[in-house]
Protein backbone atom coordinates (compact mmCIF):
# COMPACT_ATOMS: atom_id res chain seq x y z
CA MET A 1 3.22 -21.28 19.14
CA PRO A 2 2.65 -21.43 22.89
CA TYR A 3 4.40 -24.14 24.83
CA ASN A 4 1.62 -25.15 27.15
CA THR A 5 -1.99 -24.18 26.61
CA THR A 6 -3.57 -26.20 29.40
CA ALA A 7 -5.35 -24.14 32.02
CA ILE A 8 -3.90 -23.87 35.51
CA PRO A 9 -6.57 -24.88 38.01
CA PRO A 10 -7.32 -22.23 40.63
CA ARG A 11 -5.67 -22.80 43.98
CA LYS A 12 -7.94 -23.46 46.92
CA GLU A 13 -7.29 -21.33 50.00
CA ALA A 14 -7.25 -24.24 52.48
CA GLU A 15 -4.82 -26.23 50.34
CA ALA A 16 -1.13 -25.78 51.21
CA THR A 17 0.95 -28.23 49.21
CA GLY A 18 4.27 -26.39 49.11
CA GLN A 19 4.37 -26.58 45.32
CA THR A 20 3.91 -23.83 42.78
CA GLN A 21 2.58 -23.88 39.25
CA LEU A 22 5.20 -21.39 38.02
CA PRO A 23 8.79 -22.65 37.90
CA LEU A 24 10.69 -21.43 40.95
CA SER A 25 14.03 -21.37 39.12
CA ARG A 26 12.74 -18.89 36.52
CA VAL A 27 11.31 -16.64 39.20
CA LYS A 28 14.72 -16.69 40.91
CA LYS A 29 16.36 -15.69 37.60
CA ILE A 30 13.94 -12.79 37.23
CA ILE A 31 14.63 -11.70 40.81
CA GLY A 32 18.37 -11.97 40.11
CA THR A 33 18.12 -9.50 37.21
CA ASP A 34 16.96 -6.74 39.57
CA PRO A 35 20.02 -4.65 40.56
CA ASP A 36 18.36 -3.53 43.82
CA ILE A 37 18.14 -7.07 45.21
CA ALA A 38 21.50 -8.60 46.07
CA ILE A 39 20.40 -11.80 47.82
CA CYS A 40 17.00 -13.49 47.90
CA SER A 41 16.29 -16.52 50.07
CA ASN A 42 14.43 -19.58 48.82
CA ASN A 43 11.49 -18.81 51.10
CA ALA A 44 11.18 -15.28 49.74
CA ALA A 45 11.35 -16.55 46.14
CA PHE A 46 8.64 -19.10 46.95
CA VAL A 47 6.35 -16.42 48.39
CA ILE A 48 7.00 -14.17 45.36
CA THR A 49 6.10 -17.10 43.08
CA LEU A 50 2.84 -17.69 44.96
CA ALA A 51 2.03 -13.97 44.78
CA ALA A 52 2.71 -13.97 41.03
CA GLU A 53 0.39 -16.95 40.56
CA MET A 54 -2.35 -15.24 42.54
CA PHE A 55 -1.90 -12.04 40.53
CA VAL A 56 -2.09 -13.88 37.20
CA GLN A 57 -5.25 -15.67 38.34
CA HIS A 58 -6.80 -12.38 39.47
CA LEU A 59 -5.94 -10.69 36.16
CA ALA A 60 -7.29 -13.64 34.19
CA SER A 61 -10.55 -13.69 36.16
CA ALA A 62 -10.99 -9.93 35.67
CA ALA A 63 -10.33 -10.35 31.93
CA HIS A 64 -12.77 -13.26 31.81
CA ASP A 65 -15.42 -11.08 33.43
CA ALA A 66 -14.71 -8.42 30.79
CA THR A 67 -15.14 -11.11 28.13
CA LYS A 68 -18.54 -12.02 29.55
CA LEU A 69 -19.63 -8.37 29.28
CA ASP A 70 -18.76 -8.29 25.58
CA SER A 71 -21.59 -8.42 23.05
CA LYS A 72 -20.40 -11.83 21.86
CA PRO A 73 -19.03 -13.75 24.85
CA ARG A 74 -16.09 -16.00 24.04
CA LYS A 75 -14.31 -18.83 25.80
CA ASN A 76 -10.84 -17.47 25.05
CA ILE A 77 -9.43 -14.28 26.49
CA GLN A 78 -7.99 -11.76 24.04
CA TYR A 79 -5.74 -8.74 24.51
CA LYS A 80 -8.68 -6.34 24.32
CA ASP A 81 -10.33 -8.17 27.23
CA ILE A 82 -7.26 -7.70 29.42
CA ALA A 83 -7.02 -4.03 28.37
CA ASN A 84 -10.71 -3.51 29.20
CA ALA A 85 -10.25 -5.20 32.58
CA VAL A 86 -7.25 -2.99 33.37
CA ALA A 87 -9.21 0.13 32.38
CA ALA A 88 -12.31 -0.89 34.36
CA ASN A 89 -10.71 -2.04 37.65
CA ASP A 90 -9.18 0.52 39.98
CA ASN A 91 -6.89 -2.04 41.61
CA LEU A 92 -5.31 -2.79 38.19
CA GLU A 93 -4.74 0.88 37.40
CA PHE A 94 -0.95 0.53 37.66
CA LEU A 95 -1.01 -1.60 34.48
CA GLU A 96 -2.54 1.12 32.26
CA ASP A 97 0.85 1.98 30.73
CA VAL A 98 1.79 -1.68 30.24
CA VAL A 99 -1.55 -2.85 28.81
CA PRO A 100 -3.05 0.15 26.97
CA LYS A 101 -6.32 -0.01 25.07
CA THR A 102 -5.85 -0.38 21.34
CA HIS A 103 -7.39 2.05 18.88
CA THR A 104 -8.14 1.55 15.22
CA TYR A 105 -6.23 3.51 12.63
CA LYS A 106 -9.50 4.96 11.37
CA SER A 107 -10.35 6.51 14.76
CA ILE A 108 -6.84 7.94 15.17
CA ARG A 109 -6.92 9.45 11.67
CA GLN A 110 -10.34 11.00 12.36
CA LYS A 111 -9.14 12.54 15.64
CA ALA A 112 -6.05 13.93 13.88
CA GLN A 113 -8.21 15.54 11.19
CA GLU A 114 -10.48 17.08 13.83
CA THR A 115 -7.48 18.44 15.72
CA ARG A 116 -5.96 19.87 12.53
CA ALA A 117 -9.24 21.56 11.62
CA LYS A 118 -9.59 22.98 15.13
CA LEU A 119 -6.04 24.37 15.12
CA ASN A 120 -6.47 25.89 11.67
CA SER A 121 -9.73 27.57 12.67
CA GLU A 122 -8.20 28.93 15.91
CA LEU A 123 -5.21 30.40 14.07
CA GLY A 124 -7.34 31.64 11.17
CA LEU A 125 -5.28 29.65 8.71
CA GLU A 126 -7.96 27.91 6.69
CA ASP A 127 -6.93 26.82 3.24
CA LYS A 128 -7.60 29.86 1.09
CA PRO A 129 -7.02 29.69 -2.64
CA LEU A 130 -4.36 31.99 -4.08
CA SER A 131 -4.70 34.04 -7.22
CA ASN A 132 -3.22 31.16 -9.25
CA GLY A 133 -5.85 28.73 -7.91
CA LYS A 134 -3.52 26.74 -5.63
CA LYS A 135 -3.94 26.49 -1.88
CA GLN A 136 -1.60 28.04 0.65
CA LYS A 137 0.95 25.82 2.32
CA LEU A 138 1.65 26.20 6.01
CA GLN A 139 5.12 25.61 7.34
CA VAL A 140 5.28 24.51 10.96
CA ASN A 141 8.64 25.03 12.58
CA GLY A 142 8.78 24.29 16.28
CA ALA A 143 6.16 26.38 18.03
CA ARG A 144 5.67 28.91 15.21
CA VAL A 145 3.37 28.60 12.25
CA MET A 146 4.51 30.58 9.24
CA ASN A 147 2.43 31.32 6.21
CA VAL A 148 4.69 30.68 3.22
CA SER A 149 2.27 31.53 0.46
CA ARG A 150 3.43 33.26 -2.69
CA ALA A 151 2.75 36.95 -3.12
CA THR A 152 -0.76 37.57 -4.40
CA ASP A 153 -1.80 40.36 -6.73
CA GLU A 154 -2.66 42.77 -3.88
CA GLN A 155 0.59 42.06 -2.05
CA SER A 156 2.88 42.41 -5.06
CA GLU A 157 2.15 46.15 -5.42
CA ASP A 158 4.44 47.27 -2.57
CA ALA A 159 7.94 45.79 -2.81
CA ASN A 160 9.12 47.51 0.41
CA ALA A 161 6.38 45.82 2.44
CA GLN A 162 7.44 42.51 0.95
CA LEU A 163 11.08 43.10 1.97
CA GLU A 164 10.09 44.18 5.50
CA TRP A 165 7.92 41.09 5.89
CA GLU A 166 10.71 38.77 4.71
CA ALA A 167 13.19 40.46 7.05
CA SER A 168 10.86 40.00 10.03
CA GLN A 169 10.46 36.32 9.11
CA ALA A 170 14.24 35.89 8.94
CA ALA A 171 14.72 37.72 12.25
CA GLY A 172 12.46 35.22 13.96
CA GLU A 173 9.57 37.49 14.78
CA ASP A 174 6.24 35.74 15.17
CA VAL A 175 4.26 36.83 12.15
CA LEU A 176 1.34 34.64 11.20
CA MET A 177 -0.06 36.47 8.19
CA ARG A 178 0.97 39.49 6.18
CA ASP A 179 -1.47 42.39 5.87
């Protein structure tokens, strides 16, 4: 449960009170965790705190604008609104790795199936039934795709070809399908 859910009023530009909304001691602790900064003066910490407040207000206003553009405008900002604001604004582009857009499992599964079908069609490895009615199984090992189907009726006639094929597989030669 959040500690404080009251909104921070936006700071007016002409107003200079010398106080910050964010706690200065916590900002100093965060600055102290950076190994590149050995010493930070109180004035520098104060300016960093003001900059952080301004950044949070800018991000919140951009997310609120993204909320207004939604089909059902809401009063509360959600994660997806912040992610949409980061994706839409060029000046927030540096946050794309930190605040990525979320995707549903259904869309990811559909893209994976499309990719699998595309790869199988490019390699010519569609699921073909064997003589016993079962489908072939593909074994993916690193960058190679090996066809590990059982010998069919046509292939079982020549035992020497079978041995040569198995030897080439064991030697690491790239053989996709046996002729």
